[in-house]
Each structure stands twice: as C-alpha cells, then as structure tokens.
C-alpha cells in the first residue's frame, strides 16, 4: 500500500472498474436478496405479496420495517462487505485504511459543526437544482428525472415519517450510519486515492469522485448539492488522511437531516428538511464565512498533527 503524493491518503491498489462492478453487484443483487430473506419473517403474507409490497412501499405501510431491512442489507453488502472482501482478496491491508491517525478531538468537533454550516451554504444549490428546466430536445430526460425524483422523495418521506422513537433509531442506522461508513469507504477510501494516482491531480481526483458519488444516487435534481457534499468529504479526507473524518461528516449530514425531520414532525422545530427552499441570503453568507473559517482551522490543525 502506497501513500498518495501530496497527502496522507493511503492507496489501496485495486482496479477502479472492478470496485464499481463489485459495488453494483452487492448493492443491486447480493444485498437485496439477503435482505429479503431476513425481512420476510417480519411480513404477514406470501413472498409474492411481499415482493409486490416492496416495489410499492408507499401503498403498503406495513412493509416499512422490512423495507428498512432490505435497504440496510443493500448498503451493508454493496458498500461495506463486498468492497472489504475485494480488498482482502487482493491482499491489501484494509486495516490501515480504517486506522485512526493522531487527530485531535477538537478536529472532529470542527468537522461536525462545519458540516452543519455547509448544509446552509448548500441550500441555494438545492433550490436551483430542484427547479432546473431543460430545453425542448431534452424533455424526455427531464420527465424521466422528475419522475425518479418524485418517487425518491415519496420513499424518503415514507421512511422518515416516524410513529415512534424505535423507527427513528432504525432510520438513523440505515440512512446515516451505514451509508456514511459504506459510501466513504468506497468513494473516498478506495476510489479517490486511485484517481489521484492516475490523474496526478488531487483536485481532479476529489471532484471526479464527487461526481461519481452523486451519480450513484440516480437523482438528477439533487445532483449538484450532493456533488458539492462529496467535494467537502473529499477535501476533509485529503487534508487529514483520516477516513473517519469523512465518515463523521457524512454521518452528521445524514443524521442531522433525519433528526430534524423527527423534530419537525413532533412540532419541536419549524425547520422542514424536505423543503428545497434556500435559506435567506444573509444566513447563507454567514454560514459560508463560518464554514470557511472552520475548514481553515481544521486544515491547519491536521497539518500540524498528521505527518506529510
């Protein structure tokens, strides 16, 4: 295992295309199949009824917990177990990739607060991307993208409408914990250092990885803000050489959204995380200054504690 030029990112020597194919196989085939087998006992009905309900969860509220199980298994196998097995099969030291460098506790706190602040900075891009229109010759793509976005929104709303705290905890695990670990392992841990090695340009590697990260979600009307988040995670990893920093930022982004949705439903908060409306510009400007200041402090701090 090498270290990439100009940063402390460990490079796992593995073929990029092989990683992507393995991830897709695990996420689309292996994970869901195992998830269905595990979730079936939680559903009252035949396997055919179960499969039909999974394909239309909004019309079948009784399938929520099984749907969580299938979704969780897809992430667990597609983004964690299969890539990890691939790395081990290639005789690469996975443990070094997941090691914890000498990063101070204050650095993790800075990452958490800067991620929340960045969510406000990202809100104008969320609003712009959500309302994007296409020329007439791209109407077919626009209709497809809108249909997929609407369905994804309905499923997200279905999964994040909580009837009790148990569902909240399950949602935090499936929507925040597993994706944070799995997606950062694959995109920042495996792909970004390899792209840096092949391009010789860390900034190109970070943004190509961010584009792939956003494209994987297959939601065009959230493509740009998700890409920007991927860029943030990429730079956090590059500066620190600590994959857990990127995992924390990803968890905070997803977990904060889930928690605020719960508080909104409980009428504790007036902030609706499902809204695509931008924060007021003075708030965005203030959040941008806070984000840049925190990231500057973070970069300076980790450069003093992480060996070059």
C-alpha atoms as a PDB file:
ATOM      1  CA  UNK A   1       0.000   0.000   0.000  1.00  0.00           C
ATOM      2  CA  UNK A   2       1.365   3.422  -1.002  1.00  0.00           C
ATOM      3  CA  UNK A   3       0.613   6.932   0.124  1.00  0.00           C
ATOM      4  CA  UNK A   4      -0.609   9.355  -2.489  1.00  0.00           C
ATOM      5  CA  UNK A   5       1.606  12.229  -3.477  1.00  0.00           C
ATOM      6  CA  UNK A   6       0.980  15.453  -1.562  1.00  0.00           C
ATOM      7  CA  UNK A   7      -1.376  13.923   1.024  1.00  0.00           C
ATOM      8  CA  UNK A   8      -1.589  11.277   3.699  1.00  0.00           C
ATOM      9  CA  UNK A   9      -4.261   9.212   1.964  1.00  0.00           C
ATOM     10  CA  UNK A  10      -3.314   5.513   1.880  1.00  0.00           C
ATOM     11  CA  UNK A  11      -3.744   3.966  -1.561  1.00  0.00           C
ATOM     12  CA  UNK A  12      -5.345   0.541  -1.801  1.00  0.00           C
ATOM     13  CA  UNK A  13      -4.003  -0.969  -5.032  1.00  0.00           C
ATOM     14  CA  UNK A  14      -7.223  -2.060  -6.713  1.00  0.00           C
ATOM     15  CA  UNK A  15      -8.862  -1.650 -10.126  1.00  0.00           C
ATOM     16  CA  UNK A  16     -11.423   1.169 -10.156  1.00  0.00           C
ATOM     17  CA  UNK A  17     -13.767  -0.586 -12.598  1.00  0.00           C
ATOM     18  CA  UNK A  18     -13.610  -3.769 -10.522  1.00  0.00           C
ATOM     19  CA  UNK A  19     -14.634  -1.811  -7.418  1.00  0.00           C
ATOM     20  CA  UNK A  20     -17.595  -0.207  -9.196  1.00  0.00           C
ATOM     21  CA  UNK A  21     -18.800  -3.528 -10.644  1.00  0.00           C
ATOM     22  CA  UNK A  22     -18.468  -5.256  -7.262  1.00  0.00           C
ATOM     23  CA  UNK A  23     -20.338  -2.440  -5.521  1.00  0.00           C
ATOM     24  CA  UNK A  24     -23.182  -2.553  -8.045  1.00  0.00           C
ATOM     25  CA  UNK A  25     -23.427  -6.344  -7.761  1.00  0.00           C
ATOM     26  CA  UNK A  26     -23.512  -6.165  -3.988  1.00  0.00           C
ATOM     27  CA  UNK A  27     -25.911  -3.233  -3.829  1.00  0.00           C
ATOM     28  CA  UNK A  28     -28.365  -4.337  -6.521  1.00  0.00           C
ATOM     29  CA  UNK A  29     -28.220  -8.155  -6.308  1.00  0.00           C
ATOM     30  CA  UNK A  30     -26.498  -9.685  -3.271  1.00  0.00           C
ATOM     31  CA  UNK A  31     -27.594  -7.226  -0.581  1.00  0.00           C
ATOM     32  CA  UNK A  32     -31.284  -7.057  -1.556  1.00  0.00           C
ATOM     33  CA  UNK A  33     -31.551 -10.858  -1.853  1.00  0.00           C
ATOM     34  CA  UNK A  34     -30.116 -11.367   1.623  1.00  0.00           C
ATOM     35  CA  UNK A  35     -32.254  -8.510   2.926  1.00  0.00           C
ATOM     36  CA  UNK A  36     -35.419 -10.091   1.518  1.00  0.00           C
ATOM     37  CA  UNK A  37     -34.618 -13.408   3.208  1.00  0.00           C
ATOM     38  CA  UNK A  38     -34.030 -11.647   6.536  1.00  0.00           C
ATOM     39  CA  UNK A  39     -37.060  -9.352   6.234  1.00  0.00           C
ATOM     40  CA  UNK A  40     -39.606 -11.933   5.056  1.00  0.00           C
ATOM     41  CA  UNK A  41     -40.477 -13.167   8.595  1.00  0.00           C
ATOM     42  CA  UNK A  42     -41.437  -9.583   9.504  1.00  0.00           C
ATOM     43  CA  UNK A  43     -44.140  -9.506   6.810  1.00  0.00           C
ATOM     44  CA  UNK A  44     -47.500 -11.247   7.031  1.00  0.00           C
ATOM     45  CA  UNK A  45     -48.200 -12.669   3.602  1.00  0.00           C
ATOM     46  CA  UNK A  46     -46.733 -14.714   0.784  1.00  0.00           C
ATOM     47  CA  UNK A  47     -43.372 -13.997  -0.780  1.00  0.00           C
ATOM     48  CA  UNK A  48     -45.126 -12.769  -3.936  1.00  0.00           C
ATOM     49  CA  UNK A  49     -47.204 -10.325  -1.877  1.00  0.00           C
ATOM     50  CA  UNK A  50     -44.024  -9.263  -0.105  1.00  0.00           C
ATOM     51  CA  UNK A  51     -42.175  -8.575  -3.363  1.00  0.00           C
ATOM     52  CA  UNK A  52     -45.166  -6.624  -4.674  1.00  0.00           C
ATOM     53  CA  UNK A  53     -45.327  -4.557  -1.473  1.00  0.00           C
ATOM     54  CA  UNK A  54     -41.588  -3.805  -1.624  1.00  0.00           C
ATOM     55  CA  UNK A  55     -41.986  -2.458  -5.162  1.00  0.00           C
ATOM     56  CA  UNK A  56     -44.650  -0.009  -3.940  1.00  0.00           C
ATOM     57  CA  UNK A  57     -43.916   0.720  -0.259  1.00  0.00           C
ATOM     58  CA  UNK A  58     -45.945   3.952  -0.211  1.00  0.00           C
ATOM     59  CA  UNK A  59     -49.154   1.988  -0.825  1.00  0.00           C
ATOM     60  CA  UNK A  60     -48.138  -0.688   1.684  1.00  0.00           C
ATOM     61  CA  UNK A  61     -47.245   0.980   5.010  1.00  0.00           C
ATOM     62  CA  UNK A  62     -46.939  -2.417   6.706  1.00  0.00           C
ATOM     63  CA  UNK A  63     -43.758  -3.042   4.742  1.00  0.00           C
ATOM     64  CA  UNK A  64     -41.797  -0.152   6.308  1.00  0.00           C
ATOM     65  CA  UNK A  65     -39.646  -2.230   8.690  1.00  0.00           C
ATOM     66  CA  UNK A  66     -38.934  -4.941   6.064  1.00  0.00           C
ATOM     67  CA  UNK A  67     -38.084  -2.157   3.592  1.00  0.00           C
ATOM     68  CA  UNK A  68     -35.586  -0.732   6.097  1.00  0.00           C
ATOM     69  CA  UNK A  69     -34.040  -4.193   6.468  1.00  0.00           C
ATOM     70  CA  UNK A  70     -33.677  -4.663   2.704  1.00  0.00           C
ATOM     71  CA  UNK A  71     -32.262  -1.161   2.279  1.00  0.00           C
ATOM     72  CA  UNK A  72     -29.831  -1.683   5.137  1.00  0.00           C
ATOM     73  CA  UNK A  73     -28.638  -5.011   3.726  1.00  0.00           C
ATOM     74  CA  UNK A  74     -28.145  -3.432   0.291  1.00  0.00           C
ATOM     75  CA  UNK A  75     -25.842  -0.831   1.824  1.00  0.00           C
ATOM     76  CA  UNK A  76     -24.132  -3.259   4.196  1.00  0.00           C
ATOM     77  CA  UNK A  77     -23.255  -5.792   1.497  1.00  0.00           C
ATOM     78  CA  UNK A  78     -22.898  -3.478  -1.510  1.00  0.00           C
ATOM     79  CA  UNK A  79     -20.830  -0.747   0.103  1.00  0.00           C
ATOM     80  CA  UNK A  80     -19.122  -2.427   3.044  1.00  0.00           C
ATOM     81  CA  UNK A  81     -18.832  -6.223   2.995  1.00  0.00           C
ATOM     82  CA  UNK A  82     -18.299  -6.807  -0.745  1.00  0.00           C
ATOM     83  CA  UNK A  83     -15.695  -3.996  -1.149  1.00  0.00           C
ATOM     84  CA  UNK A  84     -13.938  -5.124   2.046  1.00  0.00           C
ATOM     85  CA  UNK A  85     -13.779  -8.721   0.800  1.00  0.00           C
ATOM     86  CA  UNK A  86     -12.464  -7.460  -2.534  1.00  0.00           C
ATOM     87  CA  UNK A  87      -9.668  -5.566  -0.789  1.00  0.00           C
ATOM     88  CA  UNK A  88      -8.785  -8.596   1.345  1.00  0.00           C
ATOM     89  CA  UNK A  89      -8.844 -10.856  -1.737  1.00  0.00           C
ATOM     90  CA  UNK A  90      -6.345  -8.515  -3.387  1.00  0.00           C
ATOM     91  CA  UNK A  91      -4.123  -8.932  -0.303  1.00  0.00           C
ATOM     92  CA  UNK A  92      -4.351  -5.252   0.533  1.00  0.00           C
ATOM     93  CA  UNK A  93      -4.167  -4.050   4.176  1.00  0.00           C
ATOM     94  CA  UNK A  94      -7.734  -2.870   4.824  1.00  0.00           C
ATOM     95  CA  UNK A  95      -6.935  -2.267   8.495  1.00  0.00           C
ATOM     96  CA  UNK A  96      -4.506   0.537   7.594  1.00  0.00           C
ATOM     97  CA  UNK A  97      -7.172   2.283   5.547  1.00  0.00           C
ATOM     98  CA  UNK A  98      -9.501   2.251   8.567  1.00  0.00           C
ATOM     99  CA  UNK A  99      -6.817   3.180  11.106  1.00  0.00           C
ATOM    100  CA  UNK A 100      -7.260   6.302  13.222  1.00  0.00           C
ATOM    101  CA  UNK A 101      -4.402   8.801  12.774  1.00  0.00           C
ATOM    102  CA  UNK A 102      -3.456  11.223  15.518  1.00  0.00           C
ATOM    103  CA  UNK A 103      -6.427  13.559  15.009  1.00  0.00           C
ATOM    104  CA  UNK A 104      -7.460  15.689  17.989  1.00  0.00           C
ATOM    105  CA  UNK A 105     -10.999  15.613  19.378  1.00  0.00           C
ATOM    106  CA  UNK A 106     -11.405  19.304  18.561  1.00  0.00           C
ATOM    107  CA  UNK A 107     -10.837  18.487  14.881  1.00  0.00           C
ATOM    108  CA  UNK A 108     -13.803  16.097  14.912  1.00  0.00           C
ATOM    109  CA  UNK A 109     -15.960  18.758  16.577  1.00  0.00           C
ATOM    110  CA  UNK A 110     -14.907  21.288  13.934  1.00  0.00           C
ATOM    111  CA  UNK A 111     -15.871  18.799  11.213  1.00  0.00           C
ATOM    112  CA  UNK A 112     -19.310  18.268  12.764  1.00  0.00           C
ATOM    113  CA  UNK A 113     -20.088  21.983  13.046  1.00  0.00           C
ATOM    114  CA  UNK A 114     -18.645  22.849   9.630  1.00  0.00           C
ATOM    115  CA  UNK A 115     -20.794  20.130   8.022  1.00  0.00           C
ATOM    116  CA  UNK A 116     -23.980  21.554   9.555  1.00  0.00           C
ATOM    117  CA  UNK A 117     -22.945  25.048   8.490  1.00  0.00           C
ATOM    118  CA  UNK A 118     -22.180  23.794   4.975  1.00  0.00           C
ATOM    119  CA  UNK A 119     -25.730  22.442   4.718  1.00  0.00           C
ATOM    120  CA  UNK A 120     -26.949  26.052   4.843  1.00  0.00           C
ATOM    121  CA  UNK A 121     -24.348  27.088   2.264  1.00  0.00           C
ATOM    122  CA  UNK A 122     -25.607  24.284   0.032  1.00  0.00           C
ATOM    123  CA  UNK A 123     -29.267  25.347   0.249  1.00  0.00           C
ATOM    124  CA  UNK A 124     -29.201  27.787  -2.733  1.00  0.00           C
ATOM    125  CA  UNK A 125     -27.770  24.981  -4.892  1.00  0.00           C
ATOM    126  CA  UNK A 126     -30.515  22.648  -3.647  1.00  0.00           C
ATOM    127  CA  UNK A 127     -33.201  25.162  -4.664  1.00  0.00           C
ATOM    128  CA  UNK A 128     -31.566  25.936  -8.028  1.00  0.00           C
ATOM    129  CA  UNK A 129     -31.025  22.264  -8.920  1.00  0.00           C
ATOM    130  CA  UNK A 130     -34.554  21.270  -7.839  1.00  0.00           C
ATOM    131  CA  UNK A 131     -36.090  23.867 -10.167  1.00  0.00           C
ATOM    132  CA  UNK A 132     -33.827  23.315 -13.164  1.00  0.00           C
ATOM    133  CA  UNK A 133     -35.559  23.106 -16.553  1.00  0.00           C
ATOM    134  CA  UNK A 134     -34.267  21.689 -19.830  1.00  0.00           C
ATOM    135  CA  UNK A 135     -34.593  22.672 -23.488  1.00  0.00           C
ATOM    136  CA  UNK A 136     -37.303  21.014 -25.559  1.00  0.00           C
ATOM    137  CA  UNK A 137     -34.993  18.389 -27.095  1.00  0.00           C
ATOM    138  CA  UNK A 138     -34.214  17.082 -23.571  1.00  0.00           C
ATOM    139  CA  UNK A 139     -37.834  16.815 -22.423  1.00  0.00           C
ATOM    140  CA  UNK A 140     -37.642  13.026 -22.376  1.00  0.00           C
ATOM    141  CA  UNK A 141     -34.748  13.111 -19.939  1.00  0.00           C
ATOM    142  CA  UNK A 142     -36.432  15.827 -17.876  1.00  0.00           C
ATOM    143  CA  UNK A 143     -39.614  13.776 -17.489  1.00  0.00           C
ATOM    144  CA  UNK A 144     -37.609  10.681 -16.516  1.00  0.00           C
ATOM    145  CA  UNK A 145     -35.534  12.635 -13.999  1.00  0.00           C
ATOM    146  CA  UNK A 146     -38.601  14.307 -12.468  1.00  0.00           C
ATOM    147  CA  UNK A 147     -40.455  11.007 -12.177  1.00  0.00           C
ATOM    148  CA  UNK A 148     -37.495   9.398 -10.441  1.00  0.00           C
ATOM    149  CA  UNK A 149     -37.027  12.402  -8.153  1.00  0.00           C
ATOM    150  CA  UNK A 150     -40.698  12.408  -7.165  1.00  0.00           C
ATOM    151  CA  UNK A 151     -40.599   8.691  -6.399  1.00  0.00           C
ATOM    152  CA  UNK A 152     -37.387   9.062  -4.379  1.00  0.00           C
ATOM    153  CA  UNK A 153     -38.987  11.919  -2.462  1.00  0.00           C
ATOM    154  CA  UNK A 154     -42.080   9.837  -1.713  1.00  0.00           C
ATOM    155  CA  UNK A 155     -39.998   6.896  -0.494  1.00  0.00           C
ATOM    156  CA  UNK A 156     -37.833   9.185   1.647  1.00  0.00           C
ATOM    157  CA  UNK A 157     -40.934  10.791   3.145  1.00  0.00           C
ATOM    158  CA  UNK A 158     -42.381   7.322   3.796  1.00  0.00           C
ATOM    159  CA  UNK A 159     -39.209   6.130   5.530  1.00  0.00           C
ATOM    160  CA  UNK A 160     -38.786   9.308   7.588  1.00  0.00           C
ATOM    161  CA  UNK A 161     -42.348   9.604   8.857  1.00  0.00           C
ATOM    162  CA  UNK A 162     -41.827   8.190  12.324  1.00  0.00           C
ATOM    163  CA  UNK A 163     -44.532   6.687  14.522  1.00  0.00           C
ATOM    164  CA  UNK A 164     -42.156   6.069  17.436  1.00  0.00           C
ATOM    165  CA  UNK A 165     -38.555   6.533  18.568  1.00  0.00           C
ATOM    166  CA  UNK A 166     -37.695   2.977  17.569  1.00  0.00           C
ATOM    167  CA  UNK A 167     -38.303   3.871  13.920  1.00  0.00           C
ATOM    168  CA  UNK A 168     -36.140   6.981  14.389  1.00  0.00           C
ATOM    169  CA  UNK A 169     -33.244   4.877  15.710  1.00  0.00           C
ATOM    170  CA  UNK A 170     -33.650   2.377  12.864  1.00  0.00           C
ATOM    171  CA  UNK A 171     -33.724   5.228  10.339  1.00  0.00           C
ATOM    172  CA  UNK A 172     -30.564   6.755  11.803  1.00  0.00           C
ATOM    173  CA  UNK A 173     -28.797   3.413  11.419  1.00  0.00           C
ATOM    174  CA  UNK A 174     -29.995   2.710   7.864  1.00  0.00           C
ATOM    175  CA  UNK A 175     -29.931   6.277   6.499  1.00  0.00           C
ATOM    176  CA  UNK A 176     -26.994   7.756   8.419  1.00  0.00           C
ATOM    177  CA  UNK A 177     -24.652   5.154   9.938  1.00  0.00           C
ATOM    178  CA  UNK A 178     -24.438   2.553   7.149  1.00  0.00           C
ATOM    179  CA  UNK A 179     -24.229   4.987   4.185  1.00  0.00           C
ATOM    180  CA  UNK A 180     -21.663   7.157   5.976  1.00  0.00           C
ATOM    181  CA  UNK A 181     -19.373   4.198   6.559  1.00  0.00           C
ATOM    182  CA  UNK A 182     -20.002   2.385   3.275  1.00  0.00           C
ATOM    183  CA  UNK A 183     -20.025   5.300   0.846  1.00  0.00           C
ATOM    184  CA  UNK A 184     -16.911   6.858   2.368  1.00  0.00           C
ATOM    185  CA  UNK A 185     -15.090   3.521   2.327  1.00  0.00           C
ATOM    186  CA  UNK A 186     -15.807   3.080  -1.384  1.00  0.00           C
ATOM    187  CA  UNK A 187     -15.599   6.628  -2.721  1.00  0.00           C
ATOM    188  CA  UNK A 188     -13.103   8.416  -0.512  1.00  0.00           C
ATOM    189  CA  UNK A 189     -11.225   5.361   0.776  1.00  0.00           C
ATOM    190  CA  UNK A 190     -10.844   3.333  -2.428  1.00  0.00           C
ATOM    191  CA  UNK A 191     -11.651   5.446  -5.485  1.00  0.00           C
ATOM    192  CA  UNK A 192     -10.301   8.905  -4.617  1.00  0.00           C
ATOM    193  CA  UNK A 193      -6.685   7.858  -3.883  1.00  0.00           C
ATOM    194  CA  UNK A 194      -6.643   5.678  -7.015  1.00  0.00           C
ATOM    195  CA  UNK A 195      -7.929   8.556  -9.143  1.00  0.00           C
ATOM    196  CA  UNK A 196      -5.304  10.801  -7.573  1.00  0.00           C
ATOM    197  CA  UNK A 197      -2.642   8.281  -8.539  1.00  0.00           C
ATOM    198  CA  UNK A 198      -3.888   8.014 -12.139  1.00  0.00           C
ATOM    199  CA  UNK A 199      -4.537  11.728 -12.749  1.00  0.00           C
ATOM    200  CA  UNK A 200      -1.664  13.126 -10.714  1.00  0.00           C
ATOM    201  CA  UNK A 201      -4.029  15.876  -9.572  1.00  0.00           C
ATOM    202  CA  UNK A 202      -5.721  15.603  -6.188  1.00  0.00           C
ATOM    203  CA  UNK A 203      -8.329  18.268  -7.023  1.00  0.00           C
ATOM    204  CA  UNK A 204      -9.363  16.401 -10.174  1.00  0.00           C
ATOM    205  CA  UNK A 205      -9.491  13.175  -8.155  1.00  0.00           C
ATOM    206  CA  UNK A 206     -11.680  14.744  -5.463  1.00  0.00           C
ATOM    207  CA  UNK A 207     -14.189  16.187  -7.936  1.00  0.00           C
ATOM    208  CA  UNK A 208     -14.321  13.136 -10.221  1.00  0.00           C
ATOM    209  CA  UNK A 209     -15.016  11.067  -7.108  1.00  0.00           C
ATOM    210  CA  UNK A 210     -17.664  13.579  -6.017  1.00  0.00           C
ATOM    211  CA  UNK A 211     -19.341  13.343  -9.438  1.00  0.00           C
ATOM    212  CA  UNK A 212     -19.372   9.528  -9.269  1.00  0.00           C
ATOM    213  CA  UNK A 213     -20.671   9.722  -5.700  1.00  0.00           C
ATOM    214  CA  UNK A 214     -23.562  11.953  -6.727  1.00  0.00           C
ATOM    215  CA  UNK A 215     -24.303   9.994  -9.909  1.00  0.00           C
ATOM    216  CA  UNK A 216     -24.610   6.760  -7.904  1.00  0.00           C
ATOM    217  CA  UNK A 217     -27.733   8.127  -6.199  1.00  0.00           C
ATOM    218  CA  UNK A 218     -29.519   8.441  -9.575  1.00  0.00           C
ATOM    219  CA  UNK A 219     -31.291  11.657  -8.515  1.00  0.00           C
ATOM    220  CA  UNK A 220     -30.505  14.399 -11.029  1.00  0.00           C
ATOM    221  CA  UNK A 221     -32.487  17.108  -9.237  1.00  0.00           C
ATOM    222  CA  UNK A 222     -30.178  16.755  -6.266  1.00  0.00           C
ATOM    223  CA  UNK A 223     -27.022  16.123  -8.294  1.00  0.00           C
ATOM    224  CA  UNK A 224     -25.164  19.412  -7.763  1.00  0.00           C
ATOM    225  CA  UNK A 225     -25.639  19.816  -3.983  1.00  0.00           C
ATOM    226  CA  UNK A 226     -24.761  16.147  -3.456  1.00  0.00           C
ATOM    227  CA  UNK A 227     -21.657  16.577  -5.612  1.00  0.00           C
ATOM    228  CA  UNK A 228     -20.625  19.579  -3.503  1.00  0.00           C
ATOM    229  CA  UNK A 229     -21.056  17.487  -0.369  1.00  0.00           C
ATOM    230  CA  UNK A 230     -18.865  14.836  -1.967  1.00  0.00           C
ATOM    231  CA  UNK A 231     -16.254  17.506  -2.626  1.00  0.00           C
ATOM    232  CA  UNK A 232     -16.353  18.541   1.032  1.00  0.00           C
ATOM    233  CA  UNK A 233     -15.902  14.946   2.192  1.00  0.00           C
ATOM    234  CA  UNK A 234     -13.064  14.504  -0.292  1.00  0.00           C
ATOM    235  CA  UNK A 235     -11.098  17.503   0.935  1.00  0.00           C
ATOM    236  CA  UNK A 236     -11.650  16.549   4.579  1.00  0.00           C
ATOM    237  CA  UNK A 237     -10.124  13.150   3.843  1.00  0.00           C
ATOM    238  CA  UNK A 238      -7.296  14.573   1.754  1.00  0.00           C
ATOM    239  CA  UNK A 239      -6.308  17.131   4.386  1.00  0.00           C
ATOM    240  CA  UNK A 240      -6.459  14.722   7.311  1.00  0.00           C
ATOM    241  CA  UNK A 241      -5.609  11.326   5.817  1.00  0.00           C
ATOM    242  CA  UNK A 242      -8.249  10.057   8.241  1.00  0.00           C
ATOM    243  CA  UNK A 243     -11.213   8.286   6.649  1.00  0.00           C
ATOM    244  CA  UNK A 244     -13.142   8.548   9.925  1.00  0.00           C
ATOM    245  CA  UNK A 245     -13.236  12.319   9.472  1.00  0.00           C
ATOM    246  CA  UNK A 246     -15.104  11.925   6.170  1.00  0.00           C
ATOM    247  CA  UNK A 247     -17.327   9.254   7.724  1.00  0.00           C
ATOM    248  CA  UNK A 248     -18.204  11.611  10.585  1.00  0.00           C
ATOM    249  CA  UNK A 249     -19.043  14.469   8.196  1.00  0.00           C
ATOM    250  CA  UNK A 250     -21.249  12.161   6.117  1.00  0.00           C
ATOM    251  CA  UNK A 251     -22.977  10.840   9.249  1.00  0.00           C
ATOM    252  CA  UNK A 252     -23.592  14.348  10.575  1.00  0.00           C
ATOM    253  CA  UNK A 253     -25.106  15.444   7.253  1.00  0.00           C
ATOM    254  CA  UNK A 254     -27.492  12.478   7.032  1.00  0.00           C
ATOM    255  CA  UNK A 255     -28.126  12.091  10.749  1.00  0.00           C
ATOM    256  CA  UNK A 256     -28.840  15.778  11.324  1.00  0.00           C
ATOM    257  CA  UNK A 257     -31.379  15.707   8.481  1.00  0.00           C
ATOM    258  CA  UNK A 258     -33.151  12.645   9.915  1.00  0.00           C
ATOM    259  CA  UNK A 259     -33.181  14.084  13.433  1.00  0.00           C
ATOM    260  CA  UNK A 260     -34.539  17.447  12.271  1.00  0.00           C
ATOM    261  CA  UNK A 261     -37.290  15.672  10.308  1.00  0.00           C
ATOM    262  CA  UNK A 262     -38.285  13.868  13.500  1.00  0.00           C
ATOM    263  CA  UNK A 263     -38.300  17.120  15.496  1.00  0.00           C
ATOM    264  CA  UNK A 264     -40.340  18.801  12.750  1.00  0.00           C
ATOM    265  CA  UNK A 265     -42.928  16.024  12.904  1.00  0.00           C
ATOM    266  CA  UNK A 266     -43.011  16.371  16.694  1.00  0.00           C
ATOM    267  CA  UNK A 267     -43.585  20.130  16.204  1.00  0.00           C
ATOM    268  CA  UNK A 268     -40.434  20.868  18.202  1.00  0.00           C
ATOM    269  CA  UNK A 269     -38.746  22.511  15.196  1.00  0.00           C
ATOM    270  CA  UNK A 270     -40.119  24.605  12.343  1.00  0.00           C
ATOM    271  CA  UNK A 271     -37.285  23.587  10.006  1.00  0.00           C
ATOM    272  CA  UNK A 272     -38.530  21.228   7.274  1.00  0.00           C
ATOM    273  CA  UNK A 273     -35.535  19.331   5.886  1.00  0.00           C
ATOM    274  CA  UNK A 274     -37.659  18.064   2.973  1.00  0.00           C
ATOM    275  CA  UNK A 275     -38.074  21.603   1.673  1.00  0.00           C
ATOM    276  CA  UNK A 276     -35.926  22.616  -1.306  1.00  0.00           C
ATOM    277  CA  UNK A 277     -36.263  26.312  -0.476  1.00  0.00           C
ATOM    278  CA  UNK A 278     -32.979  28.130   0.087  1.00  0.00           C
ATOM    279  CA  UNK A 279     -32.087  29.677   3.409  1.00  0.00           C
ATOM    280  CA  UNK A 280     -32.186  33.527   3.365  1.00  0.00           C
ATOM    281  CA  UNK A 281     -29.106  35.002   1.720  1.00  0.00           C
ATOM    282  CA  UNK A 282     -27.808  36.710   4.895  1.00  0.00           C
ATOM    283  CA  UNK A 283     -27.950  33.310   6.613  1.00  0.00           C
ATOM    284  CA  UNK A 284     -26.188  31.652   3.666  1.00  0.00           C
ATOM    285  CA  UNK A 285     -23.472  34.330   3.677  1.00  0.00           C
ATOM    286  CA  UNK A 286     -22.952  33.982   7.410  1.00  0.00           C
ATOM    287  CA  UNK A 287     -22.853  30.195   7.168  1.00  0.00           C
ATOM    288  CA  UNK A 288     -20.326  30.422   4.312  1.00  0.00           C
ATOM    289  CA  UNK A 289     -17.980  32.548   6.417  1.00  0.00           C
ATOM    290  CA  UNK A 290     -18.340  30.172   9.367  1.00  0.00           C
ATOM    291  CA  UNK A 291     -17.766  27.119   7.139  1.00  0.00           C
ATOM    292  CA  UNK A 292     -14.640  28.527   5.508  1.00  0.00           C
ATOM    293  CA  UNK A 293     -13.257  29.667   8.861  1.00  0.00           C
ATOM    294  CA  UNK A 294     -13.847  26.263  10.458  1.00  0.00           C
ATOM    295  CA  UNK A 295     -12.380  24.404   7.485  1.00  0.00           C
ATOM    296  CA  UNK A 296      -9.321  26.679   7.532  1.00  0.00           C
ATOM    297  CA  UNK A 297      -8.817  25.938  11.230  1.00  0.00           C
ATOM    298  CA  UNK A 298      -9.336  22.230  10.603  1.00  0.00           C
ATOM    299  CA  UNK A 299      -6.824  22.118   7.752  1.00  0.00           C
ATOM    300  CA  UNK A 300      -4.258  23.991   9.794  1.00  0.00           C
ATOM    301  CA  UNK A 301      -4.800  21.766  12.821  1.00  0.00           C
ATOM    302  CA  UNK A 302      -4.499  18.440  10.989  1.00  0.00           C
ATOM    303  CA  UNK A 303      -1.451  19.648   9.050  1.00  0.00           C
ATOM    304  CA  UNK A 304       0.268  20.130  12.413  1.00  0.00           C
ATOM    305  CA  UNK A 305      -0.703  16.684  13.741  1.00  0.00           C
ATOM    306  CA  UNK A 306      -0.629  14.496  10.598  1.00  0.00           C
ATOM    307  CA  UNK A 307       2.743  13.578   9.064  1.00  0.00           C
ATOM    308  CA  UNK A 308       3.261  14.550   5.434  1.00  0.00           C
END
